Amino acid sequence: MVFQVQVSMHIEFIAKESVTASQWTGGQTREYHIYPQDAVYADRNFDFRISSATIETIPSEFTKFQGYHRYLAMLDGQLQLTINGVDQQYVNCELFVFKSTDTITSYTKGTDFNLMLHNRIIDEVVEVRNQPFKTHQPFILLFALEADTVVINEKTLAMQPWDAVLITNEEQLVVEVRLHQQMIVGYWSIPK
């Protein structure tokens, strides 16, 4: 579902149930959005990709490739990893960032949130928050961790857990977002 709020701002609501699953070596992945829209994940020609994956095999190896960094959070439990030979553990919905060239082995089954950003992306902020915010960035992501009603410049949307909203704000107008429950929030620019 896409809403055009102003001439240069689009709000795309992506319900979890509407996202088709495909196989990866450790389970299934659901691609919420890839940008640009004609990009192909396997060709590594995208600027950013928003997805969620199940980890069904223990241990499982994360896919490696050049030119990207990633934000990942476990959506349904803790995450135990070995990153470049160092054991690490993350609590439910805690974000961590890593390079796509890192060697990562997961020892946890479950479902994760995954945001891949090309290294040329600038001014990025990605965090878990429950407070209102304003930004003028051209790309804004909301990923619901709990049911919430969000207000985006007076447009109200009801979100269920693991629903996403992507705002494309080409003219970099001020966007005000009001939320009450924890969400993964991200915003960034792509140099021309």
N, C-alpha and C. Protein backbone atom coordinates (compact mmCIF):
# COMPACT_ATOMS: atom_id res chain seq x y z
N MET A 1 0.85 -1.16 0.00
CA MET A 1 0.00 0.00 0.00
C MET A 1 0.90 1.23 0.00
N VAL A 2 0.67 2.18 -0.93
CA VAL A 2 1.48 3.38 -1.04
C VAL A 2 0.59 4.60 -0.89
N PHE A 3 1.02 5.54 -0.05
CA PHE A 3 0.33 6.80 0.14
C PHE A 3 1.23 7.91 -0.35
N GLN A 4 0.68 8.84 -1.14
CA GLN A 4 1.45 10.00 -1.54
C GLN A 4 0.96 11.15 -0.68
N VAL A 5 1.80 11.57 0.28
CA VAL A 5 1.40 12.59 1.23
C VAL A 5 1.61 13.97 0.64
N GLN A 6 2.73 14.18 -0.01
CA GLN A 6 3.03 15.42 -0.69
C GLN A 6 3.59 15.04 -2.05
N VAL A 7 3.81 16.01 -2.90
CA VAL A 7 4.26 15.72 -4.25
C VAL A 7 5.51 14.85 -4.24
N SER A 8 6.42 15.09 -3.32
CA SER A 8 7.71 14.41 -3.36
C SER A 8 7.92 13.41 -2.22
N MET A 9 6.86 13.04 -1.49
CA MET A 9 7.03 12.09 -0.40
C MET A 9 6.05 10.94 -0.57
N HIS A 10 6.59 9.71 -0.55
CA HIS A 10 5.77 8.51 -0.66
C HIS A 10 5.95 7.69 0.61
N ILE A 11 4.84 7.18 1.11
CA ILE A 11 4.86 6.30 2.28
C ILE A 11 4.40 4.92 1.81
N GLU A 12 5.30 3.95 1.89
CA GLU A 12 4.96 2.58 1.49
C GLU A 12 4.79 1.74 2.75
N PHE A 13 3.60 1.22 2.96
CA PHE A 13 3.32 0.32 4.09
C PHE A 13 3.49 -1.11 3.60
N ILE A 14 4.31 -1.90 4.31
CA ILE A 14 4.60 -3.27 3.89
C ILE A 14 4.20 -4.20 5.03
N ALA A 15 3.05 -4.86 4.87
CA ALA A 15 2.59 -5.80 5.89
C ALA A 15 3.44 -7.06 5.84
N LYS A 16 3.77 -7.59 7.01
CA LYS A 16 4.58 -8.81 7.09
C LYS A 16 3.98 -9.93 6.25
N GLU A 17 2.65 -10.07 6.30
CA GLU A 17 1.98 -11.16 5.58
C GLU A 17 2.07 -11.03 4.06
N SER A 18 2.37 -9.83 3.57
CA SER A 18 2.41 -9.62 2.12
C SER A 18 3.78 -9.93 1.51
N VAL A 19 4.78 -10.25 2.34
CA VAL A 19 6.14 -10.44 1.86
C VAL A 19 6.38 -11.92 1.59
N THR A 20 6.80 -12.23 0.37
CA THR A 20 7.03 -13.62 -0.05
C THR A 20 8.37 -14.13 0.44
N ALA A 21 8.39 -15.38 0.87
CA ALA A 21 9.63 -16.00 1.37
C ALA A 21 10.37 -16.71 0.25
N SER A 22 11.71 -16.71 0.35
CA SER A 22 12.56 -17.50 -0.55
C SER A 22 13.64 -18.16 0.29
N GLN A 23 14.25 -19.20 -0.25
CA GLN A 23 15.24 -19.98 0.50
C GLN A 23 16.61 -19.31 0.51
N TRP A 24 17.32 -19.42 1.62
CA TRP A 24 18.75 -19.17 1.68
C TRP A 24 19.37 -20.38 2.36
N THR A 25 20.67 -20.47 2.44
CA THR A 25 21.30 -21.71 2.90
C THR A 25 20.93 -22.08 4.33
N GLY A 26 20.56 -21.10 5.17
CA GLY A 26 20.24 -21.41 6.57
C GLY A 26 18.78 -21.34 6.92
N GLY A 27 17.89 -21.08 5.95
CA GLY A 27 16.46 -20.98 6.25
C GLY A 27 15.72 -20.28 5.13
N GLN A 28 14.82 -19.35 5.52
CA GLN A 28 14.04 -18.58 4.54
C GLN A 28 14.26 -17.10 4.77
N THR A 29 14.19 -16.32 3.69
CA THR A 29 14.31 -14.87 3.80
C THR A 29 13.11 -14.21 3.14
N ARG A 30 12.70 -13.09 3.71
CA ARG A 30 11.59 -12.29 3.17
C ARG A 30 12.11 -10.90 2.85
N GLU A 31 12.11 -10.54 1.58
CA GLU A 31 12.60 -9.23 1.16
C GLU A 31 11.45 -8.23 1.21
N TYR A 32 11.53 -7.29 2.14
CA TYR A 32 10.51 -6.24 2.28
C TYR A 32 10.67 -5.18 1.20
N HIS A 33 11.93 -4.81 0.93
CA HIS A 33 12.16 -3.77 -0.07
C HIS A 33 13.63 -3.82 -0.50
N ILE A 34 13.84 -3.56 -1.78
CA ILE A 34 15.19 -3.39 -2.31
C ILE A 34 15.18 -2.11 -3.13
N TYR A 35 16.27 -1.35 -3.05
CA TYR A 35 16.35 -0.07 -3.75
C TYR A 35 17.67 0.02 -4.49
N PRO A 36 17.60 0.45 -5.75
CA PRO A 36 16.40 0.76 -6.53
C PRO A 36 15.56 -0.48 -6.81
N GLN A 37 14.31 -0.25 -7.18
CA GLN A 37 13.37 -1.36 -7.29
C GLN A 37 13.73 -2.37 -8.38
N ASP A 38 14.51 -1.96 -9.36
CA ASP A 38 14.92 -2.91 -10.41
C ASP A 38 16.22 -3.64 -10.06
N ALA A 39 16.75 -3.39 -8.86
CA ALA A 39 17.97 -4.06 -8.43
C ALA A 39 17.68 -5.53 -8.12
N VAL A 40 18.73 -6.34 -8.19
CA VAL A 40 18.62 -7.76 -7.91
C VAL A 40 19.63 -8.10 -6.81
N TYR A 41 19.14 -8.69 -5.73
CA TYR A 41 20.01 -9.02 -4.59
C TYR A 41 21.22 -9.85 -5.02
N ALA A 42 21.00 -10.88 -5.83
CA ALA A 42 22.09 -11.77 -6.25
C ALA A 42 23.15 -11.04 -7.08
N ASP A 43 22.75 -9.95 -7.76
CA ASP A 43 23.70 -9.19 -8.58
C ASP A 43 24.48 -8.16 -7.76
N ARG A 44 24.09 -7.96 -6.48
CA ARG A 44 24.75 -7.00 -5.59
C ARG A 44 24.79 -5.60 -6.21
N ASN A 45 23.67 -5.21 -6.84
CA ASN A 45 23.60 -3.90 -7.48
C ASN A 45 22.59 -2.98 -6.80
N PHE A 46 22.36 -3.18 -5.52
CA PHE A 46 21.36 -2.39 -4.79
C PHE A 46 22.06 -1.39 -3.86
N ASP A 47 21.31 -0.34 -3.50
CA ASP A 47 21.79 0.63 -2.51
C ASP A 47 21.43 0.20 -1.10
N PHE A 48 20.19 -0.30 -0.94
CA PHE A 48 19.83 -0.86 0.36
C PHE A 48 18.77 -1.95 0.19
N ARG A 49 18.71 -2.82 1.19
CA ARG A 49 17.76 -3.93 1.19
C ARG A 49 17.26 -4.14 2.61
N ILE A 50 15.93 -4.25 2.75
CA ILE A 50 15.29 -4.50 4.04
C ILE A 50 14.70 -5.90 3.97
N SER A 51 15.06 -6.76 4.93
CA SER A 51 14.57 -8.13 4.88
C SER A 51 14.45 -8.69 6.29
N SER A 52 13.87 -9.87 6.35
CA SER A 52 13.78 -10.65 7.58
C SER A 52 14.03 -12.09 7.18
N ALA A 53 14.78 -12.81 8.02
CA ALA A 53 15.13 -14.18 7.66
C ALA A 53 14.94 -15.10 8.85
N THR A 54 14.60 -16.35 8.55
CA THR A 54 14.61 -17.37 9.59
C THR A 54 15.96 -18.06 9.54
N ILE A 55 16.46 -18.37 10.72
CA ILE A 55 17.69 -19.15 10.85
C ILE A 55 17.24 -20.52 11.36
N GLU A 56 17.30 -21.51 10.48
CA GLU A 56 16.76 -22.84 10.79
C GLU A 56 17.84 -23.90 10.96
N THR A 57 19.07 -23.57 10.59
CA THR A 57 20.17 -24.52 10.66
C THR A 57 21.21 -24.01 11.65
N ILE A 58 21.68 -24.90 12.52
CA ILE A 58 22.73 -24.54 13.47
C ILE A 58 23.90 -25.50 13.27
N PRO A 59 25.10 -24.97 13.11
CA PRO A 59 25.41 -23.56 12.89
C PRO A 59 25.08 -23.15 11.46
N SER A 60 24.93 -21.85 11.24
CA SER A 60 24.73 -21.33 9.89
C SER A 60 25.70 -20.19 9.64
N GLU A 61 26.14 -20.10 8.40
CA GLU A 61 27.12 -19.07 8.01
C GLU A 61 26.40 -17.93 7.31
N PHE A 62 26.70 -16.70 7.71
CA PHE A 62 26.14 -15.53 7.05
C PHE A 62 26.81 -15.34 5.69
N THR A 63 26.02 -14.94 4.70
CA THR A 63 26.52 -14.67 3.35
C THR A 63 27.49 -13.49 3.39
N LYS A 64 28.62 -13.63 2.69
CA LYS A 64 29.62 -12.58 2.62
C LYS A 64 29.63 -11.95 1.23
N PHE A 65 29.81 -10.63 1.17
CA PHE A 65 30.02 -9.95 -0.11
C PHE A 65 30.58 -8.56 0.15
N GLN A 66 31.17 -7.98 -0.88
CA GLN A 66 31.90 -6.71 -0.79
C GLN A 66 30.97 -5.50 -0.89
N GLY A 67 31.37 -4.40 -0.22
CA GLY A 67 30.76 -3.10 -0.47
C GLY A 67 29.55 -2.76 0.37
N TYR A 68 29.20 -3.56 1.36
CA TYR A 68 28.00 -3.32 2.16
C TYR A 68 28.30 -3.50 3.65
N HIS A 69 27.46 -2.88 4.46
CA HIS A 69 27.44 -3.16 5.89
C HIS A 69 26.00 -3.44 6.28
N ARG A 70 25.83 -4.09 7.43
CA ARG A 70 24.50 -4.59 7.77
C ARG A 70 24.15 -4.28 9.22
N TYR A 71 22.86 -4.11 9.45
CA TYR A 71 22.29 -4.03 10.79
C TYR A 71 21.40 -5.25 10.95
N LEU A 72 21.55 -5.95 12.05
CA LEU A 72 20.77 -7.15 12.28
C LEU A 72 20.28 -7.15 13.72
N ALA A 73 19.05 -7.66 13.93
CA ALA A 73 18.49 -7.84 15.28
C ALA A 73 17.67 -9.11 15.28
N MET A 74 17.78 -9.89 16.33
CA MET A 74 16.95 -11.08 16.49
C MET A 74 15.57 -10.63 16.95
N LEU A 75 14.52 -11.09 16.28
CA LEU A 75 13.15 -10.64 16.58
C LEU A 75 12.45 -11.51 17.60
N ASP A 76 12.94 -12.71 17.84
CA ASP A 76 12.21 -13.62 18.72
C ASP A 76 13.12 -14.36 19.70
N GLY A 77 14.09 -13.66 20.23
CA GLY A 77 14.96 -14.29 21.22
C GLY A 77 16.36 -13.74 21.15
N GLN A 78 17.26 -14.38 21.88
CA GLN A 78 18.66 -13.95 21.90
C GLN A 78 19.39 -14.51 20.68
N LEU A 79 20.54 -13.93 20.40
CA LEU A 79 21.34 -14.32 19.26
C LEU A 79 22.76 -14.59 19.73
N GLN A 80 23.25 -15.78 19.43
CA GLN A 80 24.63 -16.15 19.77
C GLN A 80 25.40 -16.33 18.48
N LEU A 81 26.51 -15.57 18.35
CA LEU A 81 27.29 -15.53 17.13
C LEU A 81 28.77 -15.67 17.42
N THR A 82 29.51 -16.06 16.39
CA THR A 82 30.95 -15.89 16.38
C THR A 82 31.25 -14.96 15.21
N ILE A 83 31.84 -13.79 15.51
CA ILE A 83 32.14 -12.79 14.49
C ILE A 83 33.65 -12.65 14.41
N ASN A 84 34.20 -13.03 13.26
CA ASN A 84 35.65 -12.98 13.05
C ASN A 84 36.40 -13.64 14.20
N GLY A 85 35.88 -14.79 14.67
CA GLY A 85 36.54 -15.57 15.70
C GLY A 85 36.21 -15.17 17.13
N VAL A 86 35.37 -14.15 17.32
CA VAL A 86 35.02 -13.67 18.66
C VAL A 86 33.56 -14.01 18.95
N ASP A 87 33.30 -14.70 20.06
CA ASP A 87 31.93 -15.04 20.46
C ASP A 87 31.22 -13.80 20.99
N GLN A 88 29.97 -13.61 20.53
CA GLN A 88 29.17 -12.46 20.98
C GLN A 88 27.73 -12.92 21.17
N GLN A 89 27.03 -12.21 22.05
CA GLN A 89 25.62 -12.52 22.29
C GLN A 89 24.83 -11.21 22.33
N TYR A 90 23.64 -11.24 21.73
CA TYR A 90 22.77 -10.07 21.66
C TYR A 90 21.39 -10.46 22.18
N VAL A 91 20.77 -9.56 22.95
CA VAL A 91 19.44 -9.83 23.48
C VAL A 91 18.40 -9.56 22.40
N ASN A 92 17.19 -9.99 22.66
CA ASN A 92 16.06 -9.81 21.75
C ASN A 92 15.96 -8.34 21.30
N CYS A 93 15.93 -8.12 20.00
CA CYS A 93 15.74 -6.82 19.35
C CYS A 93 16.91 -5.86 19.54
N GLU A 94 18.06 -6.33 20.01
CA GLU A 94 19.25 -5.49 20.10
C GLU A 94 19.94 -5.47 18.75
N LEU A 95 20.17 -4.27 18.21
CA LEU A 95 20.82 -4.12 16.92
C LEU A 95 22.33 -4.27 17.02
N PHE A 96 22.92 -4.90 16.03
CA PHE A 96 24.36 -4.81 15.89
C PHE A 96 24.70 -4.60 14.42
N VAL A 97 25.81 -3.92 14.20
CA VAL A 97 26.22 -3.57 12.84
C VAL A 97 27.52 -4.31 12.54
N PHE A 98 27.64 -4.76 11.28
CA PHE A 98 28.85 -5.46 10.88
C PHE A 98 29.06 -5.29 9.38
N LYS A 99 30.30 -5.53 8.95
CA LYS A 99 30.63 -5.47 7.53
C LYS A 99 30.20 -6.78 6.87
N SER A 100 29.74 -6.70 5.64
CA SER A 100 29.31 -7.91 4.93
C SER A 100 30.47 -8.81 4.55
N THR A 101 31.69 -8.36 4.80
CA THR A 101 32.87 -9.22 4.57
C THR A 101 33.28 -9.95 5.84
N ASP A 102 32.64 -9.64 6.98
CA ASP A 102 32.96 -10.33 8.23
C ASP A 102 32.58 -11.80 8.14
N THR A 103 33.32 -12.64 8.84
CA THR A 103 33.00 -14.06 8.92
C THR A 103 32.11 -14.26 10.15
N ILE A 104 30.87 -14.65 9.90
CA ILE A 104 29.89 -14.77 11.00
C ILE A 104 29.23 -16.13 10.96
N THR A 105 29.24 -16.79 12.10
CA THR A 105 28.54 -18.06 12.29
C THR A 105 27.50 -17.87 13.37
N SER A 106 26.25 -18.26 13.09
CA SER A 106 25.17 -18.15 14.07
C SER A 106 24.92 -19.52 14.71
N TYR A 107 24.66 -19.49 16.02
CA TYR A 107 24.35 -20.71 16.76
C TYR A 107 22.95 -20.62 17.37
N THR A 108 22.08 -19.84 16.74
CA THR A 108 20.74 -19.60 17.25
C THR A 108 19.71 -19.83 16.16
N LYS A 109 18.63 -20.49 16.50
CA LYS A 109 17.48 -20.57 15.58
C LYS A 109 16.52 -19.43 15.91
N GLY A 110 15.81 -18.95 14.88
CA GLY A 110 14.84 -17.89 15.10
C GLY A 110 14.67 -17.02 13.87
N THR A 111 14.12 -15.83 14.07
CA THR A 111 13.84 -14.90 12.98
C THR A 111 14.57 -13.59 13.25
N ASP A 112 15.21 -13.05 12.20
CA ASP A 112 15.93 -11.80 12.38
C ASP A 112 15.41 -10.70 11.47
N PHE A 113 15.77 -9.47 11.80
CA PHE A 113 15.60 -8.29 10.96
C PHE A 113 16.98 -7.99 10.38
N ASN A 114 17.02 -7.61 9.08
CA ASN A 114 18.29 -7.40 8.42
C ASN A 114 18.18 -6.19 7.50
N LEU A 115 19.03 -5.20 7.72
CA LEU A 115 19.10 -4.02 6.85
C LEU A 115 20.50 -3.98 6.27
N MET A 116 20.60 -4.04 4.93
CA MET A 116 21.88 -3.98 4.23
C MET A 116 21.98 -2.62 3.56
N LEU A 117 23.09 -1.92 3.83
CA LEU A 117 23.32 -0.60 3.25
C LEU A 117 24.63 -0.61 2.48
N HIS A 118 24.60 -0.06 1.28
CA HIS A 118 25.83 0.09 0.50
C HIS A 118 26.75 1.05 1.25
N ASN A 119 28.05 0.82 1.16
CA ASN A 119 29.00 1.66 1.89
C ASN A 119 29.00 3.12 1.46
N ARG A 120 28.40 3.44 0.31
CA ARG A 120 28.37 4.84 -0.13
C ARG A 120 27.25 5.63 0.55
N ILE A 121 26.35 4.97 1.26
CA ILE A 121 25.27 5.65 1.98
C ILE A 121 25.86 6.52 3.08
N ILE A 122 25.28 7.71 3.27
CA ILE A 122 25.82 8.65 4.26
C ILE A 122 24.72 9.09 5.24
N ASP A 123 25.17 9.73 6.30
CA ASP A 123 24.28 10.34 7.30
C ASP A 123 23.27 9.34 7.86
N GLU A 124 23.67 8.09 8.01
CA GLU A 124 22.73 7.07 8.45
C GLU A 124 22.58 7.06 9.97
N VAL A 125 21.36 6.83 10.39
CA VAL A 125 21.03 6.56 11.79
C VAL A 125 20.14 5.33 11.77
N VAL A 126 20.50 4.31 12.53
CA VAL A 126 19.67 3.11 12.67
C VAL A 126 19.68 2.77 14.15
N GLU A 127 18.49 2.69 14.75
CA GLU A 127 18.39 2.47 16.19
C GLU A 127 17.03 1.88 16.55
N VAL A 128 16.96 1.34 17.75
CA VAL A 128 15.68 0.92 18.32
C VAL A 128 15.22 2.05 19.22
N ARG A 129 14.00 2.54 18.98
CA ARG A 129 13.51 3.69 19.76
C ARG A 129 11.99 3.63 19.91
N ASN A 130 11.48 4.37 20.89
CA ASN A 130 10.03 4.48 21.08
C ASN A 130 9.60 5.93 21.25
N GLN A 131 10.47 6.85 20.89
CA GLN A 131 10.20 8.28 21.03
C GLN A 131 9.98 8.92 19.67
N PRO A 132 9.15 9.97 19.61
CA PRO A 132 8.95 10.71 18.35
C PRO A 132 10.27 11.29 17.84
N PHE A 133 10.32 11.52 16.54
CA PHE A 133 11.52 12.14 15.96
C PHE A 133 11.14 12.90 14.70
N LYS A 134 12.04 13.78 14.28
CA LYS A 134 11.91 14.52 13.02
C LYS A 134 13.20 14.32 12.24
N THR A 135 13.05 14.23 10.92
CA THR A 135 14.21 14.15 10.05
C THR A 135 13.83 14.68 8.67
N HIS A 136 14.83 15.05 7.91
CA HIS A 136 14.62 15.48 6.52
C HIS A 136 15.31 14.53 5.55
N GLN A 137 15.79 13.40 6.05
CA GLN A 137 16.52 12.45 5.20
C GLN A 137 15.62 11.91 4.08
N PRO A 138 16.20 11.57 2.95
CA PRO A 138 15.39 11.10 1.82
C PRO A 138 14.83 9.68 1.97
N PHE A 139 15.42 8.87 2.87
CA PHE A 139 14.90 7.52 3.09
C PHE A 139 14.71 7.32 4.59
N ILE A 140 13.50 6.88 4.96
CA ILE A 140 13.16 6.68 6.37
C ILE A 140 12.48 5.33 6.50
N LEU A 141 12.97 4.52 7.43
CA LEU A 141 12.44 3.18 7.66
C LEU A 141 11.86 3.08 9.06
N LEU A 142 10.69 2.45 9.16
CA LEU A 142 10.10 2.07 10.44
C LEU A 142 9.81 0.57 10.37
N PHE A 143 10.28 -0.18 11.36
CA PHE A 143 10.03 -1.62 11.41
C PHE A 143 9.46 -1.93 12.78
N ALA A 144 8.20 -2.34 12.84
CA ALA A 144 7.49 -2.52 14.10
C ALA A 144 7.96 -3.77 14.84
N LEU A 145 8.28 -3.60 16.11
CA LEU A 145 8.60 -4.72 16.98
C LEU A 145 7.39 -5.14 17.80
N GLU A 146 6.45 -4.21 17.98
CA GLU A 146 5.20 -4.44 18.70
C GLU A 146 4.10 -3.73 17.93
N ALA A 147 2.84 -4.04 18.24
CA ALA A 147 1.73 -3.33 17.61
C ALA A 147 1.78 -1.87 18.05
N ASP A 148 1.56 -0.97 17.11
CA ASP A 148 1.60 0.46 17.42
C ASP A 148 0.85 1.22 16.34
N THR A 149 0.37 2.39 16.70
CA THR A 149 -0.19 3.33 15.75
C THR A 149 0.81 4.45 15.60
N VAL A 150 1.33 4.63 14.40
CA VAL A 150 2.31 5.69 14.15
C VAL A 150 1.64 6.80 13.36
N VAL A 151 2.13 8.00 13.58
CA VAL A 151 1.64 9.17 12.85
C VAL A 151 2.82 9.77 12.11
N ILE A 152 2.67 9.87 10.79
CA ILE A 152 3.72 10.42 9.93
C ILE A 152 3.15 11.68 9.28
N ASN A 153 3.58 12.83 9.75
CA ASN A 153 3.05 14.11 9.25
C ASN A 153 1.51 14.09 9.17
N GLU A 154 0.89 13.68 10.24
CA GLU A 154 -0.57 13.64 10.41
C GLU A 154 -1.26 12.48 9.70
N LYS A 155 -0.52 11.62 9.01
CA LYS A 155 -1.08 10.40 8.41
C LYS A 155 -0.91 9.27 9.42
N THR A 156 -2.03 8.65 9.85
CA THR A 156 -1.99 7.62 10.88
C THR A 156 -1.99 6.23 10.24
N LEU A 157 -1.08 5.37 10.73
CA LEU A 157 -0.99 3.99 10.25
C LEU A 157 -0.96 3.05 11.44
N ALA A 158 -1.76 1.99 11.38
CA ALA A 158 -1.71 0.94 12.39
C ALA A 158 -0.72 -0.12 11.93
N MET A 159 0.26 -0.42 12.78
CA MET A 159 1.27 -1.40 12.42
C MET A 159 1.22 -2.56 13.39
N GLN A 160 1.38 -3.76 12.86
CA GLN A 160 1.48 -4.97 13.66
C GLN A 160 2.94 -5.38 13.75
N PRO A 161 3.30 -6.25 14.69
CA PRO A 161 4.69 -6.68 14.78
C PRO A 161 5.22 -7.17 13.42
N TRP A 162 6.40 -6.68 13.07
CA TRP A 162 7.17 -7.04 11.89
C TRP A 162 6.60 -6.46 10.60
N ASP A 163 5.67 -5.50 10.70
CA ASP A 163 5.28 -4.69 9.55
C ASP A 163 6.34 -3.61 9.36
N ALA A 164 6.45 -3.10 8.14
CA ALA A 164 7.44 -2.05 7.86
C ALA A 164 6.81 -0.90 7.11
N VAL A 165 7.41 0.27 7.25
CA VAL A 165 7.05 1.45 6.48
C VAL A 165 8.34 2.03 5.92
N LEU A 166 8.33 2.32 4.62
CA LEU A 166 9.46 3.00 3.99
C LEU A 166 8.95 4.32 3.43
N ILE A 167 9.56 5.40 3.86
CA ILE A 167 9.21 6.74 3.39
C ILE A 167 10.30 7.20 2.45
N THR A 168 9.91 7.58 1.24
CA THR A 168 10.83 8.17 0.27
C THR A 168 10.53 9.65 0.21
N ASN A 169 11.49 10.46 0.61
CA ASN A 169 11.32 11.89 0.82
C ASN A 169 12.30 12.64 -0.09
N GLU A 170 12.01 12.63 -1.38
CA GLU A 170 12.96 13.10 -2.39
C GLU A 170 13.39 14.55 -2.21
N GLU A 171 12.48 15.41 -1.78
CA GLU A 171 12.84 16.82 -1.63
C GLU A 171 13.36 17.15 -0.24
N GLN A 172 13.54 16.13 0.59
CA GLN A 172 14.09 16.27 1.93
C GLN A 172 13.32 17.28 2.77
N LEU A 173 11.99 17.15 2.72
CA LEU A 173 11.14 17.94 3.59
C LEU A 173 11.23 17.39 5.01
N VAL A 174 10.84 18.18 5.99
CA VAL A 174 10.85 17.70 7.36
C VAL A 174 9.73 16.68 7.53
N VAL A 175 10.09 15.51 8.03
CA VAL A 175 9.12 14.45 8.30
C VAL A 175 9.08 14.25 9.81
N GLU A 176 7.88 14.34 10.37
CA GLU A 176 7.70 14.14 11.81
C GLU A 176 7.02 12.80 12.03
N VAL A 177 7.61 11.95 12.87
CA VAL A 177 7.07 10.62 13.14
C VAL A 177 6.80 10.52 14.64
N ARG A 178 5.56 10.15 14.97
CA ARG A 178 5.18 9.92 16.36
C ARG A 178 4.89 8.44 16.54
N LEU A 179 5.57 7.82 17.51
CA LEU A 179 5.37 6.41 17.81
C LEU A 179 5.42 6.25 19.32
N HIS A 180 4.91 5.10 19.79
CA HIS A 180 4.80 4.90 21.23
C HIS A 180 5.48 3.62 21.70
N GLN A 181 5.58 2.62 20.83
CA GLN A 181 6.20 1.35 21.15
C GLN A 181 7.57 1.28 20.48
N GLN A 182 8.40 0.35 20.93
CA GLN A 182 9.72 0.21 20.33
C GLN A 182 9.62 -0.21 18.87
N MET A 183 10.41 0.45 18.04
CA MET A 183 10.54 0.13 16.62
C MET A 183 11.99 0.24 16.23
N ILE A 184 12.34 -0.45 15.15
CA ILE A 184 13.63 -0.19 14.53
C ILE A 184 13.41 0.97 13.58
N VAL A 185 14.17 2.03 13.77
CA VAL A 185 14.03 3.26 12.99
C VAL A 185 15.35 3.50 12.28
N GLY A 186 15.27 3.84 11.01
CA GLY A 186 16.47 4.16 10.27
C GLY A 186 16.20 5.30 9.29
N TYR A 187 17.21 6.11 9.05
CA TYR A 187 17.11 7.12 7.99
C TYR A 187 18.51 7.43 7.48
N TRP A 188 18.58 7.75 6.17
CA TRP A 188 19.88 7.91 5.52
C TRP A 188 19.72 8.63 4.19
N SER A 189 20.89 8.98 3.61
CA SER A 189 20.96 9.64 2.30
C SER A 189 21.82 8.79 1.37
N ILE A 190 21.58 8.94 0.08
CA ILE A 190 22.40 8.30 -0.94
C ILE A 190 22.96 9.41 -1.81
N PRO A 191 24.28 9.58 -1.86
CA PRO A 191 24.84 10.65 -2.70
C PRO A 191 24.44 10.47 -4.16
N LYS A 192 24.22 11.57 -4.83
CA LYS A 192 23.84 11.55 -6.25
C LYS A 192 25.04 11.23 -7.12
